[in-house]
Amino acid sequence: MFAGASVNQGIQKSSFQPSIIDTIGHQASISKQMATVQASSRAPTVVMDAATETGTDNDSAYMDKVFLQQKYDTYDPNLHYTGNQYVEELMKNAKVLSSSGKGILASDESNGTCGKRFEAIGVENTEKNRKDYRELLYSAKGLEEFVSGCIMYDETIRQSSRDGKTLVNVLADKGILSGIKVDTGITVIEGTNDETVTNGLDGLSARA
């Protein structure tokens, strides 16, 4: 069937009865297309009929097509992505991180989590002790043979080793890439069974 002026024409009934999810998705697609056609002079686009598409076992695949159609109908060529100036660097880093036989060291524990680990071994949770703990990890002999990348906590990425070298450079000298955990921890959502939400999106651009 066609969207736009002809949305109510040419609809054929089928012996298959679509589910409520399929029906809602189809109606949403039609409504979205009608609004798009009214707001622009572009010719209506062709979409699949829910009655003929949802007779398969893969209903989720149909819904994907519906959402892709909606995305296409609201497409603005003036906002088209033109490329990434860091694509070569990203590809190079991806190859390093996926080196055979190596993994990523997650040392991004928050100060609170790190404190719990220190408490178990009788160590005080201070900035200096956290720095010494991470430096011990990063300076381990032969670390680069098994680790290709390291996730650091916000505090850690700003710290330096005893000889004055930043912890990022301690890893870089071993050929290990550094990343950073950008969230600021979790908070329990009130009124839930201890479900949590991740904090840190607010103010991320300033911290980055």
Protein backbone atom coordinates (compact mmCIF):
# COMPACT_ATOMS: atom_id res chain seq x y z
CA MET A 1 0.00 0.00 0.00
CA PHE A 2 1.03 3.64 -0.39
CA ALA A 3 1.34 6.25 2.32
CA GLY A 4 0.00 9.77 2.02
CA ALA A 5 -3.14 10.53 0.07
CA SER A 6 -3.72 6.87 -0.72
CA VAL A 7 -3.29 5.38 2.75
CA ASN A 8 -6.95 4.41 2.91
CA GLN A 9 -7.01 2.92 -0.58
CA GLY A 10 -5.96 -0.50 -1.77
CA ILE A 11 -5.92 -2.19 1.66
CA GLN A 12 -6.56 -5.88 1.14
CA LYS A 13 -7.91 -8.08 3.86
CA SER A 14 -5.96 -11.18 4.75
CA SER A 15 -6.90 -14.39 6.46
CA PHE A 16 -4.06 -13.72 8.88
CA GLN A 17 -5.07 -11.71 11.98
CA PRO A 18 -2.16 -9.46 13.04
CA SER A 19 -1.23 -9.20 16.72
CA ILE A 20 -1.92 -6.08 18.76
CA ILE A 21 1.78 -5.10 18.57
CA ASP A 22 1.78 -5.43 14.78
CA THR A 23 -1.41 -3.38 14.53
CA ILE A 24 -0.04 -0.59 16.74
CA GLY A 25 3.24 -0.55 14.82
CA HIS A 26 1.41 -0.38 11.48
CA GLN A 27 -0.85 2.43 12.64
CA ALA A 28 2.14 4.35 13.97
CA SER A 29 3.88 3.96 10.62
CA ILE A 30 0.83 5.25 8.71
CA SER A 31 0.37 8.22 11.07
CA LYS A 32 4.02 9.15 10.81
CA GLN A 33 3.99 9.00 7.03
CA MET A 34 0.79 11.09 6.77
CA ALA A 35 2.37 13.83 8.89
CA THR A 36 5.53 13.72 6.80
CA VAL A 37 3.70 13.93 3.49
CA GLN A 38 1.60 16.86 4.71
CA ALA A 39 4.70 18.72 5.88
CA SER A 40 6.72 18.21 2.69
CA SER A 41 6.29 18.06 -1.06
CA ARG A 42 8.10 14.73 -1.38
CA ALA A 43 6.20 11.94 -3.05
CA PRO A 44 4.71 9.27 -0.74
CA THR A 45 6.91 6.29 0.01
CA VAL A 46 6.05 2.65 -0.39
CA VAL A 47 5.70 0.59 2.79
CA MET A 48 4.80 -3.01 3.52
CA ASP A 49 1.31 -3.93 4.59
CA ALA A 50 1.13 -5.37 8.11
CA ALA A 51 -1.50 -7.87 7.01
CA THR A 52 0.85 -9.45 4.50
CA GLU A 53 4.15 -9.06 6.38
CA THR A 54 3.35 -10.35 9.85
CA GLY A 55 2.39 -13.84 8.81
CA THR A 56 5.94 -15.01 9.49
CA ASP A 57 7.50 -16.25 12.70
CA ASN A 58 9.87 -13.30 12.85
CA ASP A 59 7.57 -10.48 14.00
CA SER A 60 10.52 -8.53 15.39
CA ALA A 61 12.03 -8.32 11.90
CA TYR A 62 8.82 -6.71 10.65
CA MET A 63 8.86 -4.15 13.47
CA ASP A 64 12.46 -3.32 12.56
CA LYS A 65 11.28 -2.54 9.03
CA VAL A 66 8.53 -0.31 10.41
CA PHE A 67 10.97 1.73 12.49
CA LEU A 68 13.46 1.94 9.63
CA GLN A 69 10.68 3.24 7.40
CA GLN A 70 9.82 5.90 9.98
CA LYS A 71 13.45 6.92 10.17
CA TYR A 72 13.65 7.22 6.40
CA ASP A 73 10.47 9.31 6.24
CA THR A 74 11.92 11.88 8.65
CA TYR A 75 15.32 11.92 6.95
CA ASP A 76 16.80 15.39 6.45
CA PRO A 77 19.55 15.49 3.79
CA ASN A 78 20.86 18.72 5.33
CA LEU A 79 21.77 16.80 8.50
CA HIS A 80 23.48 13.94 6.66
CA TYR A 81 26.60 12.59 8.38
CA THR A 82 29.57 13.41 6.17
CA GLY A 83 32.35 11.42 7.75
CA ASN A 84 34.63 10.98 10.75
CA GLN A 85 37.99 12.71 10.79
CA TYR A 86 39.20 10.18 13.34
CA VAL A 87 38.27 7.09 11.35
CA GLU A 88 41.88 6.03 10.72
CA GLU A 89 42.80 6.45 14.38
CA LEU A 90 39.69 4.53 15.47
CA MET A 91 40.48 1.66 13.11
CA LYS A 92 44.07 1.53 14.34
CA ASN A 93 42.98 1.48 17.99
CA ALA A 94 40.35 -1.17 17.29
CA LYS A 95 43.02 -3.46 15.83
CA VAL A 96 45.25 -2.90 18.85
CA LEU A 97 42.44 -3.63 21.33
CA SER A 98 41.46 -6.80 19.49
CA SER A 99 45.00 -8.19 19.36
CA SER A 100 45.03 -11.97 19.53
CA GLY A 101 45.56 -13.40 23.02
CA LYS A 102 45.05 -10.05 24.78
CA GLY A 103 42.22 -8.50 26.75
CA ILE A 104 41.16 -5.26 28.42
CA LEU A 105 42.00 -4.51 32.04
CA ALA A 106 39.02 -2.97 33.85
CA SER A 107 40.51 -0.85 36.64
CA ASP A 108 37.70 1.69 36.69
CA GLU A 109 36.33 0.95 40.16
CA SER A 110 34.72 3.98 41.75
CA ASN A 111 36.21 5.29 44.99
CA GLY A 112 33.42 3.59 46.91
CA THR A 113 33.94 0.20 45.28
CA CYS A 114 37.69 0.49 45.68
CA GLY A 115 37.15 1.27 49.37
CA LYS A 116 35.20 -1.96 49.85
CA ARG A 117 38.09 -3.95 48.40
CA PHE A 118 40.60 -2.15 50.56
CA GLU A 119 38.48 -2.72 53.65
CA ALA A 120 38.61 -6.46 53.07
CA ILE A 121 42.42 -6.38 53.31
CA GLY A 122 42.70 -3.70 56.00
CA VAL A 123 43.87 -0.84 53.76
CA GLU A 124 42.62 2.72 54.23
CA ASN A 125 40.66 4.14 51.31
CA THR A 126 42.70 7.23 50.46
CA GLU A 127 43.61 8.91 47.17
CA LYS A 128 47.26 7.91 47.60
CA ASN A 129 46.45 4.26 48.28
CA ARG A 130 44.16 4.12 45.27
CA LYS A 131 46.91 5.62 43.12
CA ASP A 132 49.50 3.18 44.45
CA TYR A 133 47.13 0.27 43.79
CA ARG A 134 46.62 1.28 40.15
CA GLU A 135 50.32 2.00 39.65
CA LEU A 136 51.10 -1.48 40.95
CA LEU A 137 48.78 -2.94 38.32
CA TYR A 138 50.02 -0.82 35.43
CA SER A 139 53.71 -1.30 36.13
CA ALA A 140 53.50 -5.09 36.46
CA LYS A 141 56.23 -6.76 34.43
CA GLY A 142 54.96 -8.35 31.23
CA LEU A 143 51.50 -6.75 31.49
CA GLU A 144 51.64 -5.77 27.81
CA GLU A 145 51.87 -9.43 26.81
CA PHE A 146 48.30 -10.02 27.95
CA VAL A 147 46.61 -6.61 28.05
CA SER A 148 45.92 -4.36 25.04
CA GLY A 149 43.77 -1.71 26.71
CA CYS A 150 42.88 -0.39 30.14
CA ILE A 151 39.73 1.30 31.45
CA MET A 152 40.57 3.97 34.02
CA TYR A 153 38.51 5.86 36.58
CA ASP A 154 38.20 9.65 36.29
CA GLU A 155 40.50 10.16 39.27
CA THR A 156 43.06 7.67 37.99
CA ILE A 157 43.51 9.18 34.54
CA ARG A 158 44.69 12.41 36.21
CA GLN A 159 47.21 10.74 38.54
CA SER A 160 50.94 10.25 38.14
CA SER A 161 53.35 7.55 39.23
CA ARG A 162 56.09 7.98 41.83
CA ASP A 163 58.59 9.08 39.17
CA GLY A 164 56.27 11.82 37.94
CA LYS A 165 55.05 10.04 34.80
CA THR A 166 51.31 10.06 34.27
CA LEU A 167 49.65 6.68 34.67
CA VAL A 168 48.40 7.05 31.09
CA ASN A 169 52.00 7.26 29.89
CA VAL A 170 52.99 4.32 32.10
CA LEU A 171 50.55 2.26 30.05
CA ALA A 172 51.43 3.94 26.74
CA ASP A 173 55.10 3.03 27.17
CA LYS A 174 53.95 -0.60 27.22
CA GLY A 175 51.82 -0.12 24.10
CA ILE A 176 48.59 -0.30 26.12
CA LEU A 177 45.73 2.02 25.19
CA SER A 178 43.91 3.96 27.91
CA GLY A 179 40.20 4.58 28.16
CA ILE A 180 38.08 6.28 30.79
CA LYS A 181 34.88 5.44 32.59
CA VAL A 182 32.65 8.47 31.95
CA ASP A 183 29.79 7.80 34.36
CA THR A 184 29.88 8.95 37.98
CA GLY A 185 28.38 5.92 39.66
CA ILE A 186 24.87 4.62 40.25
CA THR A 187 21.92 5.69 42.38
CA VAL A 188 19.06 3.56 43.66
CA ILE A 189 15.74 4.52 42.09
CA GLU A 190 13.25 5.40 44.80
CA GLY A 191 10.19 3.15 44.94
CA THR A 192 11.86 0.18 43.22
CA ASN A 193 13.36 -3.09 44.41
CA ASP A 194 16.84 -1.53 44.58
CA GLU A 195 16.95 -0.88 40.83
CA THR A 196 19.64 1.60 39.90
CA VAL A 197 20.25 4.38 37.37
CA THR A 198 23.64 5.41 36.01
CA ASN A 199 24.71 8.99 36.74
CA GLY A 200 27.07 11.21 34.79
CA LEU A 201 25.32 12.27 31.60
CA ASP A 202 24.67 15.71 33.07
CA GLY A 203 27.90 17.67 32.79
CA LEU A 204 29.63 15.02 30.65
CA SER A 205 30.64 17.51 27.96
CA ALA A 206 32.31 19.73 30.54
CA ARG A 207 34.19 16.82 32.11
CA ALA A 208 35.24 15.47 28.73
